[in-house]
Amino acid sequence: MLEHVPRWLGHWLRGVRAGHAGLIAVQPGIVTTAQQLALSSPAFADGARLPERFTADGDGVSPPLLWDAPPDGTAAFALVVEDADAPAPHPLVHAILWRIDPGERRLPEGALSDATEAAGGIVGRNSFLARGWLPPDPPTGHGSHDYVFQLFALDELKDIGDAPGRSDVLGALQGHVIATGILTGTYSRGETMPLSPGAQAVPT
């Protein structure tokens, strides 16, 4: 959808970004402990560019994720993926997975695509009000976007409906997060990206 935004408009909007301060993980009352989860993906490194297959320029499937054992007392996990650089007042939600089984340690590739349940959890609504994975689709020329995967270990299993949205999750997380894992993938269109040291830069 946003691939059709003209390059000049994307460039003009470069300074308009939701900001990392709007991410769920940094909202007051969400993360009240220093305990961390090691969240990773076999498809990309933390801070690295997302492979095209996971974006609107490729197959648009959700990436695989891995995480380590949570603290004792974990009743469930919750996953929220947000674009901190969306040209909007708030980060754009790309995926919600609520009530993940506490015994799970992975999310297979494509698990969030056109699904209602994954890893024992309930797939919620993204910012386009559809259930499942919203593939990264930044405006051409807008610069690099951070897609932040936020995994929360919860001490209580709450029922927030069969298609929860961002506000539902935000309220249910308050006071119940006992560990957090963060993984960031980047993506951009119309940017000059170096292939490797000494190689000629090419537009993406």
N, C-alpha and C. Protein backbone atom coordinates (compact mmCIF):
# COMPACT_ATOMS: atom_id res chain seq x y z
N MET A 1 0.83 -1.21 0.00
CA MET A 1 0.00 0.00 0.00
C MET A 1 0.86 1.26 0.00
N LEU A 2 1.79 1.37 0.98
CA LEU A 2 2.61 2.57 1.08
C LEU A 2 3.74 2.60 0.06
N GLU A 3 3.91 1.49 -0.69
CA GLU A 3 4.92 1.51 -1.74
C GLU A 3 4.53 2.47 -2.86
N HIS A 4 3.26 2.87 -2.89
CA HIS A 4 2.78 3.79 -3.92
C HIS A 4 2.91 5.25 -3.51
N VAL A 5 3.35 5.51 -2.27
CA VAL A 5 3.59 6.88 -1.85
C VAL A 5 4.77 7.43 -2.66
N PRO A 6 4.64 8.59 -3.30
CA PRO A 6 5.75 9.14 -4.09
C PRO A 6 6.99 9.36 -3.23
N ARG A 7 8.15 9.16 -3.85
CA ARG A 7 9.41 9.33 -3.13
C ARG A 7 9.52 10.73 -2.51
N TRP A 8 9.06 11.77 -3.25
CA TRP A 8 9.19 13.13 -2.74
C TRP A 8 8.37 13.32 -1.47
N LEU A 9 7.19 12.66 -1.42
CA LEU A 9 6.35 12.78 -0.23
C LEU A 9 6.97 12.03 0.94
N GLY A 10 7.49 10.84 0.68
CA GLY A 10 8.16 10.10 1.75
C GLY A 10 9.34 10.86 2.31
N HIS A 11 10.11 11.50 1.42
CA HIS A 11 11.26 12.28 1.87
C HIS A 11 10.80 13.49 2.69
N TRP A 12 9.74 14.13 2.26
CA TRP A 12 9.21 15.29 2.96
C TRP A 12 8.73 14.93 4.36
N LEU A 13 8.27 13.69 4.53
CA LEU A 13 7.76 13.22 5.82
C LEU A 13 8.83 12.58 6.71
N ARG A 14 10.08 12.64 6.30
CA ARG A 14 11.14 11.94 7.05
C ARG A 14 11.19 12.33 8.52
N GLY A 15 10.88 13.57 8.82
CA GLY A 15 10.92 14.02 10.21
C GLY A 15 9.67 13.70 11.00
N VAL A 16 8.66 13.16 10.34
CA VAL A 16 7.40 12.81 11.03
C VAL A 16 7.46 11.34 11.40
N ARG A 17 7.66 11.07 12.68
CA ARG A 17 7.80 9.69 13.16
C ARG A 17 7.14 9.55 14.54
N ALA A 18 6.55 8.39 14.77
CA ALA A 18 5.88 8.14 16.05
C ALA A 18 6.88 8.22 17.21
N GLY A 19 8.04 7.60 17.03
CA GLY A 19 9.08 7.63 18.06
C GLY A 19 9.07 6.41 18.97
N HIS A 20 10.25 6.04 19.43
CA HIS A 20 10.38 4.88 20.31
C HIS A 20 9.71 5.11 21.66
N ALA A 21 9.51 6.34 22.04
CA ALA A 21 8.86 6.63 23.32
C ALA A 21 7.40 6.19 23.32
N GLY A 22 6.85 5.91 22.16
CA GLY A 22 5.47 5.47 22.08
C GLY A 22 5.29 3.97 22.12
N LEU A 23 6.39 3.21 22.08
CA LEU A 23 6.30 1.75 22.10
C LEU A 23 5.65 1.26 23.39
N ILE A 24 4.94 0.16 23.31
CA ILE A 24 4.26 -0.39 24.49
C ILE A 24 5.25 -0.68 25.62
N ALA A 25 6.43 -1.21 25.29
CA ALA A 25 7.38 -1.62 26.32
C ALA A 25 7.88 -0.47 27.19
N VAL A 26 7.77 0.78 26.71
CA VAL A 26 8.28 1.90 27.51
C VAL A 26 7.16 2.74 28.11
N GLN A 27 5.93 2.25 28.03
CA GLN A 27 4.83 2.99 28.64
C GLN A 27 4.86 2.81 30.16
N PRO A 28 4.44 3.83 30.91
CA PRO A 28 4.46 3.75 32.37
C PRO A 28 3.67 2.54 32.90
N GLY A 29 4.26 1.84 33.85
CA GLY A 29 3.58 0.72 34.49
C GLY A 29 3.67 -0.59 33.75
N ILE A 30 4.36 -0.63 32.60
CA ILE A 30 4.45 -1.88 31.83
C ILE A 30 5.65 -2.70 32.31
N VAL A 31 6.85 -2.20 32.11
CA VAL A 31 8.05 -2.93 32.53
C VAL A 31 8.49 -2.40 33.90
N THR A 32 8.27 -3.20 34.92
CA THR A 32 8.60 -2.78 36.29
C THR A 32 9.71 -3.64 36.89
N THR A 33 10.34 -4.48 36.06
CA THR A 33 11.43 -5.35 36.52
C THR A 33 12.54 -5.34 35.49
N ALA A 34 13.75 -5.62 35.95
CA ALA A 34 14.90 -5.64 35.05
C ALA A 34 15.11 -7.00 34.39
N GLN A 35 14.29 -7.99 34.74
CA GLN A 35 14.48 -9.32 34.17
C GLN A 35 14.23 -9.29 32.66
N GLN A 36 15.11 -9.97 31.93
CA GLN A 36 15.05 -9.93 30.48
C GLN A 36 14.91 -11.32 29.88
N LEU A 37 14.29 -11.37 28.71
CA LEU A 37 14.20 -12.58 27.90
C LEU A 37 15.11 -12.40 26.70
N ALA A 38 15.82 -13.45 26.31
CA ALA A 38 16.68 -13.40 25.13
C ALA A 38 15.81 -13.72 23.91
N LEU A 39 15.32 -12.68 23.24
CA LEU A 39 14.47 -12.83 22.06
C LEU A 39 15.34 -12.69 20.82
N SER A 40 15.24 -13.64 19.87
CA SER A 40 16.05 -13.59 18.67
C SER A 40 15.29 -14.20 17.50
N SER A 41 15.90 -14.13 16.32
CA SER A 41 15.34 -14.74 15.12
C SER A 41 16.46 -15.40 14.33
N PRO A 42 16.23 -16.59 13.79
CA PRO A 42 17.23 -17.20 12.92
C PRO A 42 17.29 -16.54 11.54
N ALA A 43 16.36 -15.61 11.27
CA ALA A 43 16.28 -14.98 9.96
C ALA A 43 16.99 -13.63 9.88
N PHE A 44 17.21 -12.97 11.02
CA PHE A 44 17.89 -11.67 11.03
C PHE A 44 18.45 -11.39 12.42
N ALA A 45 19.53 -10.61 12.46
CA ALA A 45 20.15 -10.24 13.73
C ALA A 45 19.48 -9.00 14.30
N ASP A 46 19.62 -8.82 15.60
CA ASP A 46 19.06 -7.63 16.24
C ASP A 46 19.68 -6.37 15.63
N GLY A 47 18.84 -5.45 15.18
CA GLY A 47 19.31 -4.23 14.57
C GLY A 47 19.60 -4.33 13.09
N ALA A 48 19.46 -5.52 12.51
CA ALA A 48 19.77 -5.73 11.10
C ALA A 48 18.51 -5.57 10.24
N ARG A 49 18.73 -5.48 8.94
CA ARG A 49 17.64 -5.31 7.99
C ARG A 49 16.82 -6.60 7.87
N LEU A 50 15.50 -6.46 7.87
CA LEU A 50 14.61 -7.60 7.68
C LEU A 50 14.74 -8.14 6.26
N PRO A 51 14.83 -9.44 6.09
CA PRO A 51 14.79 -10.00 4.74
C PRO A 51 13.48 -9.63 4.05
N GLU A 52 13.56 -9.38 2.76
CA GLU A 52 12.42 -8.89 1.99
C GLU A 52 11.20 -9.80 2.06
N ARG A 53 11.43 -11.11 2.24
CA ARG A 53 10.31 -12.05 2.24
C ARG A 53 9.30 -11.78 3.36
N PHE A 54 9.74 -11.09 4.42
CA PHE A 54 8.85 -10.81 5.53
C PHE A 54 8.12 -9.47 5.39
N THR A 55 8.32 -8.79 4.27
CA THR A 55 7.77 -7.45 4.05
C THR A 55 6.74 -7.45 2.93
N ALA A 56 6.16 -6.27 2.70
CA ALA A 56 5.19 -6.12 1.63
C ALA A 56 5.83 -6.21 0.25
N ASP A 57 7.16 -6.16 0.19
CA ASP A 57 7.87 -6.31 -1.07
C ASP A 57 8.16 -7.77 -1.40
N GLY A 58 7.89 -8.66 -0.45
CA GLY A 58 8.15 -10.08 -0.65
C GLY A 58 6.89 -10.91 -0.42
N ASP A 59 7.06 -12.04 0.26
CA ASP A 59 5.93 -12.93 0.52
C ASP A 59 5.02 -12.41 1.62
N GLY A 60 5.53 -11.49 2.45
CA GLY A 60 4.69 -10.91 3.49
C GLY A 60 4.35 -11.85 4.62
N VAL A 61 5.23 -12.84 4.89
CA VAL A 61 4.99 -13.77 6.00
C VAL A 61 5.69 -13.25 7.24
N SER A 62 5.23 -13.67 8.40
CA SER A 62 5.86 -13.24 9.65
C SER A 62 7.15 -14.02 9.87
N PRO A 63 8.17 -13.40 10.47
CA PRO A 63 9.45 -14.07 10.67
C PRO A 63 9.42 -15.06 11.84
N PRO A 64 10.33 -16.02 11.82
CA PRO A 64 10.45 -16.95 12.96
C PRO A 64 11.10 -16.26 14.14
N LEU A 65 10.70 -16.66 15.35
CA LEU A 65 11.26 -16.08 16.57
C LEU A 65 11.63 -17.19 17.55
N LEU A 66 12.64 -16.92 18.36
CA LEU A 66 13.07 -17.84 19.41
C LEU A 66 13.27 -17.06 20.70
N TRP A 67 13.02 -17.71 21.84
CA TRP A 67 13.30 -17.06 23.12
C TRP A 67 13.66 -18.10 24.17
N ASP A 68 14.27 -17.63 25.26
CA ASP A 68 14.73 -18.54 26.30
C ASP A 68 13.67 -18.74 27.37
N ALA A 69 14.01 -19.52 28.38
CA ALA A 69 13.07 -19.83 29.45
C ALA A 69 12.76 -18.58 30.27
N PRO A 70 11.49 -18.41 30.63
CA PRO A 70 11.08 -17.23 31.40
C PRO A 70 11.28 -17.45 32.89
N PRO A 71 11.08 -16.41 33.69
CA PRO A 71 11.18 -16.57 35.15
C PRO A 71 10.10 -17.50 35.68
N ASP A 72 10.34 -18.05 36.86
CA ASP A 72 9.32 -18.85 37.54
C ASP A 72 8.08 -17.98 37.75
N GLY A 73 6.92 -18.58 37.64
CA GLY A 73 5.69 -17.84 37.84
C GLY A 73 5.10 -17.27 36.56
N THR A 74 5.74 -17.55 35.42
CA THR A 74 5.19 -17.06 34.14
C THR A 74 3.93 -17.85 33.78
N ALA A 75 2.83 -17.14 33.60
CA ALA A 75 1.55 -17.77 33.25
C ALA A 75 1.31 -17.76 31.75
N ALA A 76 1.93 -16.83 31.03
CA ALA A 76 1.74 -16.72 29.59
C ALA A 76 2.73 -15.69 29.05
N PHE A 77 2.88 -15.70 27.73
CA PHE A 77 3.65 -14.66 27.03
C PHE A 77 2.69 -13.82 26.20
N ALA A 78 3.13 -12.62 25.87
CA ALA A 78 2.43 -11.78 24.90
C ALA A 78 3.47 -11.17 23.98
N LEU A 79 3.13 -11.09 22.69
CA LEU A 79 4.03 -10.51 21.70
C LEU A 79 3.34 -9.34 21.02
N VAL A 80 4.05 -8.22 20.93
CA VAL A 80 3.56 -7.06 20.18
C VAL A 80 4.69 -6.59 19.27
N VAL A 81 4.38 -6.36 17.99
CA VAL A 81 5.36 -5.85 17.04
C VAL A 81 4.88 -4.48 16.57
N GLU A 82 5.74 -3.46 16.75
CA GLU A 82 5.35 -2.09 16.38
C GLU A 82 6.43 -1.42 15.53
N ASP A 83 5.98 -0.56 14.63
CA ASP A 83 6.87 0.28 13.82
C ASP A 83 7.02 1.62 14.54
N ALA A 84 8.20 1.84 15.13
CA ALA A 84 8.44 3.06 15.90
C ALA A 84 8.62 4.28 15.01
N ASP A 85 8.82 4.07 13.72
CA ASP A 85 9.12 5.18 12.81
C ASP A 85 7.97 5.49 11.85
N ALA A 86 6.81 4.94 12.11
CA ALA A 86 5.66 5.24 11.26
C ALA A 86 5.35 6.73 11.28
N PRO A 87 4.99 7.33 10.14
CA PRO A 87 4.63 8.75 10.11
C PRO A 87 3.23 8.96 10.67
N ALA A 88 3.11 8.75 11.97
CA ALA A 88 1.81 8.78 12.64
C ALA A 88 2.01 9.21 14.09
N PRO A 89 0.93 9.56 14.80
CA PRO A 89 1.07 9.97 16.20
C PRO A 89 1.56 8.85 17.12
N HIS A 90 1.27 7.60 16.75
CA HIS A 90 1.64 6.46 17.58
C HIS A 90 2.29 5.39 16.71
N PRO A 91 3.13 4.53 17.31
CA PRO A 91 3.70 3.42 16.54
C PRO A 91 2.61 2.58 15.89
N LEU A 92 2.91 2.09 14.70
CA LEU A 92 1.97 1.25 13.96
C LEU A 92 2.11 -0.19 14.44
N VAL A 93 1.00 -0.82 14.80
CA VAL A 93 1.03 -2.21 15.27
C VAL A 93 1.04 -3.15 14.07
N HIS A 94 2.05 -4.02 14.02
CA HIS A 94 2.17 -4.99 12.92
C HIS A 94 1.72 -6.38 13.34
N ALA A 95 1.70 -6.64 14.63
CA ALA A 95 1.22 -7.95 15.09
C ALA A 95 0.98 -7.93 16.59
N ILE A 96 -0.01 -8.70 17.00
CA ILE A 96 -0.27 -8.97 18.42
C ILE A 96 -0.53 -10.47 18.56
N LEU A 97 0.14 -11.08 19.50
CA LEU A 97 -0.14 -12.47 19.85
C LEU A 97 -0.28 -12.53 21.36
N TRP A 98 -1.47 -12.81 21.82
CA TRP A 98 -1.80 -12.76 23.25
C TRP A 98 -1.97 -14.17 23.80
N ARG A 99 -1.56 -14.35 25.05
CA ARG A 99 -1.78 -15.61 25.78
C ARG A 99 -1.01 -16.77 25.16
N ILE A 100 0.26 -16.52 24.80
CA ILE A 100 1.12 -17.59 24.29
C ILE A 100 1.40 -18.57 25.43
N ASP A 101 1.35 -19.85 25.14
CA ASP A 101 1.60 -20.88 26.15
C ASP A 101 2.97 -20.67 26.79
N PRO A 102 3.06 -20.73 28.13
CA PRO A 102 4.33 -20.48 28.81
C PRO A 102 5.40 -21.52 28.51
N GLY A 103 4.99 -22.66 27.95
CA GLY A 103 5.96 -23.69 27.58
C GLY A 103 6.57 -23.49 26.21
N GLU A 104 6.04 -22.55 25.44
CA GLU A 104 6.56 -22.29 24.09
C GLU A 104 7.90 -21.56 24.15
N ARG A 105 8.77 -21.87 23.18
CA ARG A 105 10.06 -21.19 23.08
C ARG A 105 10.34 -20.71 21.65
N ARG A 106 9.35 -20.84 20.79
CA ARG A 106 9.56 -20.45 19.40
C ARG A 106 8.25 -20.10 18.71
N LEU A 107 8.37 -19.32 17.65
CA LEU A 107 7.24 -19.00 16.79
C LEU A 107 7.72 -19.26 15.37
N PRO A 108 7.14 -20.25 14.67
CA PRO A 108 7.62 -20.59 13.33
C PRO A 108 7.36 -19.48 12.32
N GLU A 109 8.11 -19.49 11.24
CA GLU A 109 7.88 -18.55 10.15
C GLU A 109 6.44 -18.69 9.64
N GLY A 110 5.79 -17.54 9.44
CA GLY A 110 4.44 -17.55 8.90
C GLY A 110 3.34 -17.83 9.90
N ALA A 111 3.71 -18.03 11.18
CA ALA A 111 2.71 -18.41 12.18
C ALA A 111 1.65 -17.33 12.38
N LEU A 112 1.98 -16.07 12.13
CA LEU A 112 1.02 -14.98 12.36
C LEU A 112 0.27 -14.58 11.10
N SER A 113 0.57 -15.22 9.99
CA SER A 113 -0.03 -14.83 8.72
C SER A 113 -1.38 -15.51 8.53
N ASP A 114 -2.45 -14.68 8.47
CA ASP A 114 -3.80 -15.21 8.25
C ASP A 114 -4.17 -16.29 9.26
N ALA A 115 -3.83 -16.06 10.52
CA ALA A 115 -4.10 -17.05 11.56
C ALA A 115 -4.96 -16.44 12.65
N THR A 116 -5.64 -17.30 13.39
CA THR A 116 -6.40 -16.84 14.55
C THR A 116 -5.74 -17.34 15.85
N GLU A 117 -4.90 -18.38 15.72
CA GLU A 117 -4.19 -18.90 16.87
C GLU A 117 -2.78 -19.30 16.44
N ALA A 118 -1.80 -19.09 17.33
CA ALA A 118 -0.42 -19.48 17.07
C ALA A 118 0.28 -19.67 18.39
N ALA A 119 1.11 -20.72 18.49
CA ALA A 119 1.88 -21.00 19.71
C ALA A 119 0.98 -21.05 20.94
N GLY A 120 -0.24 -21.54 20.76
CA GLY A 120 -1.18 -21.62 21.86
C GLY A 120 -1.82 -20.31 22.23
N GLY A 121 -1.49 -19.24 21.48
CA GLY A 121 -2.01 -17.91 21.79
C GLY A 121 -3.06 -17.44 20.80
N ILE A 122 -3.62 -16.27 21.08
CA ILE A 122 -4.67 -15.67 20.25
C ILE A 122 -4.07 -14.54 19.43
N VAL A 123 -4.25 -14.59 18.12
CA VAL A 123 -3.74 -13.55 17.23
C VAL A 123 -4.67 -12.35 17.29
N GLY A 124 -4.10 -11.19 17.60
CA GLY A 124 -4.90 -9.97 17.73
C GLY A 124 -4.93 -9.14 16.47
N ARG A 125 -5.47 -7.91 16.61
CA ARG A 125 -5.65 -7.00 15.48
C ARG A 125 -4.47 -6.04 15.34
N ASN A 126 -4.01 -5.88 14.10
CA ASN A 126 -2.97 -4.90 13.83
C ASN A 126 -3.61 -3.52 13.62
N SER A 127 -2.81 -2.54 13.23
CA SER A 127 -3.33 -1.17 13.09
C SER A 127 -4.27 -1.01 11.91
N PHE A 128 -4.31 -1.98 11.01
CA PHE A 128 -5.28 -1.95 9.92
C PHE A 128 -6.55 -2.71 10.28
N LEU A 129 -6.66 -3.08 11.58
CA LEU A 129 -7.84 -3.74 12.16
C LEU A 129 -8.07 -5.15 11.61
N ALA A 130 -7.02 -5.73 11.05
CA ALA A 130 -7.10 -7.11 10.58
C ALA A 130 -6.29 -7.99 11.52
N ARG A 131 -6.68 -9.25 11.66
CA ARG A 131 -5.94 -10.17 12.48
C ARG A 131 -4.74 -10.69 11.70
N GLY A 132 -3.62 -10.85 12.41
CA GLY A 132 -2.44 -11.42 11.77
C GLY A 132 -1.34 -10.41 11.53
N TRP A 133 -0.37 -10.83 10.74
CA TRP A 133 0.85 -10.09 10.47
C TRP A 133 0.61 -9.02 9.42
N LEU A 134 0.94 -7.77 9.75
CA LEU A 134 0.91 -6.66 8.80
C LEU A 134 2.33 -6.48 8.28
N PRO A 135 2.63 -6.87 7.04
CA PRO A 135 4.01 -6.81 6.55
C PRO A 135 4.55 -5.39 6.53
N PRO A 136 5.80 -5.19 6.92
CA PRO A 136 6.42 -3.87 6.85
C PRO A 136 6.29 -3.26 5.46
N ASP A 137 5.89 -1.99 5.43
CA ASP A 137 5.53 -1.34 4.18
C ASP A 137 5.82 0.16 4.28
N PRO A 138 7.08 0.54 4.58
CA PRO A 138 7.38 1.95 4.82
C PRO A 138 7.28 2.79 3.54
N PRO A 139 6.97 4.07 3.66
CA PRO A 139 6.91 4.94 2.48
C PRO A 139 8.29 5.05 1.83
N THR A 140 8.32 5.02 0.53
CA THR A 140 9.56 5.20 -0.22
C THR A 140 10.19 6.55 0.13
N GLY A 141 11.48 6.53 0.46
CA GLY A 141 12.19 7.76 0.76
C GLY A 141 12.04 8.26 2.17
N HIS A 142 11.30 7.55 3.03
CA HIS A 142 11.07 8.02 4.38
C HIS A 142 12.23 7.70 5.32
N GLY A 143 13.15 6.88 4.87
CA GLY A 143 14.26 6.48 5.73
C GLY A 143 14.03 5.12 6.35
N SER A 144 14.97 4.69 7.15
CA SER A 144 14.89 3.38 7.78
C SER A 144 13.86 3.37 8.91
N HIS A 145 13.09 2.30 9.00
CA HIS A 145 12.10 2.12 10.05
C HIS A 145 12.55 0.99 10.98
N ASP A 146 12.34 1.18 12.28
CA ASP A 146 12.60 0.15 13.27
C ASP A 146 11.32 -0.62 13.55
N TYR A 147 11.36 -1.93 13.30
CA TYR A 147 10.23 -2.80 13.62
C TYR A 147 10.61 -3.55 14.89
N VAL A 148 9.94 -3.21 16.00
CA VAL A 148 10.35 -3.64 17.33
C VAL A 148 9.45 -4.78 17.81
N PHE A 149 10.06 -5.96 17.97
CA PHE A 149 9.36 -7.15 18.46
C PHE A 149 9.51 -7.14 19.99
N GLN A 150 8.39 -7.08 20.69
CA GLN A 150 8.38 -6.96 22.15
C GLN A 150 7.68 -8.18 22.75
N LEU A 151 8.44 -8.99 23.48
CA LEU A 151 7.89 -10.19 24.10
C LEU A 151 7.81 -9.98 25.61
N PHE A 152 6.64 -10.23 26.17
CA PHE A 152 6.41 -10.01 27.60
C PHE A 152 6.06 -11.34 28.28
N ALA A 153 6.72 -11.62 29.40
CA ALA A 153 6.33 -12.75 30.26
C ALA A 153 5.38 -12.20 31.32
N LEU A 154 4.22 -12.82 31.47
CA LEU A 154 3.17 -12.32 32.36
C LEU A 154 2.94 -13.27 33.53
N ASP A 155 2.62 -12.68 34.67
CA ASP A 155 2.37 -13.50 35.85
C ASP A 155 0.90 -13.87 36.02
N GLU A 156 0.09 -13.45 35.08
CA GLU A 156 -1.34 -13.74 35.16
C GLU A 156 -1.91 -13.91 33.76
N LEU A 157 -2.79 -14.87 33.60
CA LEU A 157 -3.43 -15.14 32.31
C LEU A 157 -4.77 -14.43 32.27
N LYS A 158 -4.89 -13.42 31.41
CA LYS A 158 -6.11 -12.63 31.34
C LYS A 158 -6.85 -12.89 30.04
N ASP A 159 -8.18 -12.84 30.12
CA ASP A 159 -9.02 -12.97 28.94
C ASP A 159 -9.37 -11.57 28.45
N ILE A 160 -8.86 -11.21 27.26
CA ILE A 160 -9.16 -9.88 26.70
C ILE A 160 -9.84 -10.01 25.34
N GLY A 161 -10.55 -11.12 25.16
CA GLY A 161 -11.32 -11.30 23.93
C GLY A 161 -10.58 -12.12 22.90
N ASP A 162 -11.27 -12.41 21.79
CA ASP A 162 -10.71 -13.29 20.78
C ASP A 162 -10.02 -12.55 19.64
N ALA A 163 -9.98 -11.22 19.68
CA ALA A 163 -9.26 -10.44 18.67
C ALA A 163 -8.78 -9.14 19.31
N PRO A 164 -7.89 -9.24 20.30
CA PRO A 164 -7.48 -8.04 21.05
C PRO A 164 -6.71 -7.04 20.20
N GLY A 165 -6.89 -5.76 20.52
CA GLY A 165 -6.16 -4.69 19.87
C GLY A 165 -5.13 -4.10 20.82
N ARG A 166 -4.47 -3.06 20.39
CA ARG A 166 -3.39 -2.47 21.17
C ARG A 166 -3.85 -1.97 22.54
N SER A 167 -4.98 -1.28 22.60
CA SER A 167 -5.46 -0.75 23.87
C SER A 167 -5.83 -1.87 24.84
N ASP A 168 -6.38 -2.98 24.33
CA ASP A 168 -6.70 -4.13 25.18
C ASP A 168 -5.43 -4.69 25.82
N VAL A 169 -4.40 -4.85 25.00
CA VAL A 169 -3.13 -5.41 25.47
C VAL A 169 -2.46 -4.46 26.45
N LEU A 170 -2.46 -3.19 26.13
CA LEU A 170 -1.81 -2.20 26.99
C LEU A 170 -2.41 -2.23 28.40
N GLY A 171 -3.72 -2.31 28.48
CA GLY A 171 -4.37 -2.35 29.79
C GLY A 171 -4.09 -3.64 30.54
N ALA A 172 -4.06 -4.76 29.82
CA ALA A 172 -3.87 -6.06 30.47
C ALA A 172 -2.44 -6.28 30.93
N LEU A 173 -1.48 -5.59 30.31
CA LEU A 173 -0.08 -5.75 30.70
C LEU A 173 0.25 -5.01 32.00
N GLN A 174 -0.51 -3.98 32.30
CA GLN A 174 -0.21 -3.13 33.45
C GLN A 174 -0.06 -3.95 34.74
N GLY A 175 1.13 -3.88 35.32
CA GLY A 175 1.37 -4.54 36.60
C GLY A 175 1.57 -6.04 36.54
N HIS A 176 1.65 -6.62 35.33
CA HIS A 176 1.76 -8.08 35.23
C HIS A 176 2.96 -8.57 34.43
N VAL A 177 3.83 -7.67 33.98
CA VAL A 177 5.02 -8.06 33.21
C VAL A 177 6.17 -8.37 34.16
N ILE A 178 6.70 -9.59 34.07
CA ILE A 178 7.80 -9.99 34.95
C ILE A 178 9.12 -10.16 34.20
N ALA A 179 9.09 -10.11 32.88
CA ALA A 179 10.31 -10.14 32.08
C ALA A 179 9.97 -9.67 30.67
N THR A 180 10.97 -9.11 29.99
CA THR A 180 10.74 -8.54 28.67
C THR A 180 11.90 -8.88 27.73
N GLY A 181 11.56 -9.17 26.48
CA GLY A 181 12.56 -9.38 25.45
C GLY A 181 12.30 -8.44 24.28
N ILE A 182 13.35 -7.84 23.75
CA ILE A 182 13.22 -6.88 22.65
C ILE A 182 14.12 -7.31 21.49
N LEU A 183 13.57 -7.30 20.28
CA LEU A 183 14.33 -7.59 19.06
C LEU A 183 13.90 -6.58 18.01
N THR A 184 14.87 -5.95 17.34
CA THR A 184 14.55 -4.93 16.35
C THR A 184 15.07 -5.32 14.98
N GLY A 185 14.19 -5.25 13.99
CA GLY A 185 14.57 -5.41 12.59
C GLY A 185 14.29 -4.11 11.87
N THR A 186 15.08 -3.77 10.87
CA THR A 186 14.88 -2.52 10.14
C THR A 186 14.45 -2.81 8.70
N TYR A 187 13.83 -1.80 8.10
CA TYR A 187 13.49 -1.91 6.68
C TYR A 187 13.27 -0.51 6.12
N SER A 188 13.56 -0.34 4.84
CA SER A 188 13.40 0.96 4.18
C SER A 188 13.19 0.74 2.69
N ARG A 189 12.71 1.79 2.06
CA ARG A 189 12.58 1.80 0.59
C ARG A 189 13.23 3.08 0.06
N GLY A 190 13.89 2.97 -1.07
CA GLY A 190 14.46 4.14 -1.70
C GLY A 190 15.65 4.72 -0.99
N GLU A 191 16.33 3.89 -0.19
CA GLU A 191 17.51 4.35 0.53
C GLU A 191 18.76 3.78 -0.11
N THR A 192 19.88 4.43 0.08
CA THR A 192 21.15 3.91 -0.40
C THR A 192 21.75 3.02 0.67
N MET A 193 21.91 1.74 0.33
CA MET A 193 22.40 0.76 1.28
C MET A 193 23.72 0.18 0.80
N PRO A 194 24.78 0.20 1.61
CA PRO A 194 26.04 -0.42 1.21
C PRO A 194 25.92 -1.94 1.21
N LEU A 195 26.43 -2.58 0.16
CA LEU A 195 26.37 -4.03 0.09
C LEU A 195 27.39 -4.67 1.04
N SER A 196 28.60 -4.11 1.07
CA SER A 196 29.65 -4.61 1.93
C SER A 196 30.78 -3.58 1.89
N PRO A 197 31.74 -3.65 2.81
CA PRO A 197 32.85 -2.70 2.78
C PRO A 197 33.55 -2.67 1.42
N GLY A 198 33.62 -1.51 0.81
CA GLY A 198 34.28 -1.35 -0.47
C GLY A 198 33.39 -1.58 -1.67
N ALA A 199 32.16 -2.10 -1.44
CA ALA A 199 31.26 -2.36 -2.55
C ALA A 199 30.50 -1.09 -2.89
N GLN A 200 29.97 -1.04 -4.11
CA GLN A 200 29.23 0.14 -4.55
C GLN A 200 27.85 0.16 -3.91
N ALA A 201 27.45 1.29 -3.36
CA ALA A 201 26.14 1.40 -2.72
C ALA A 201 25.05 1.38 -3.78
N VAL A 202 23.93 0.76 -3.43
CA VAL A 202 22.82 0.65 -4.36
C VAL A 202 21.55 1.10 -3.68
N PRO A 203 20.58 1.65 -4.44
CA PRO A 203 19.29 2.04 -3.84
C PRO A 203 18.45 0.80 -3.58
N THR A 204 17.60 0.88 -2.53
CA THR A 204 16.71 -0.23 -2.23
C THR A 204 15.27 0.22 -2.38
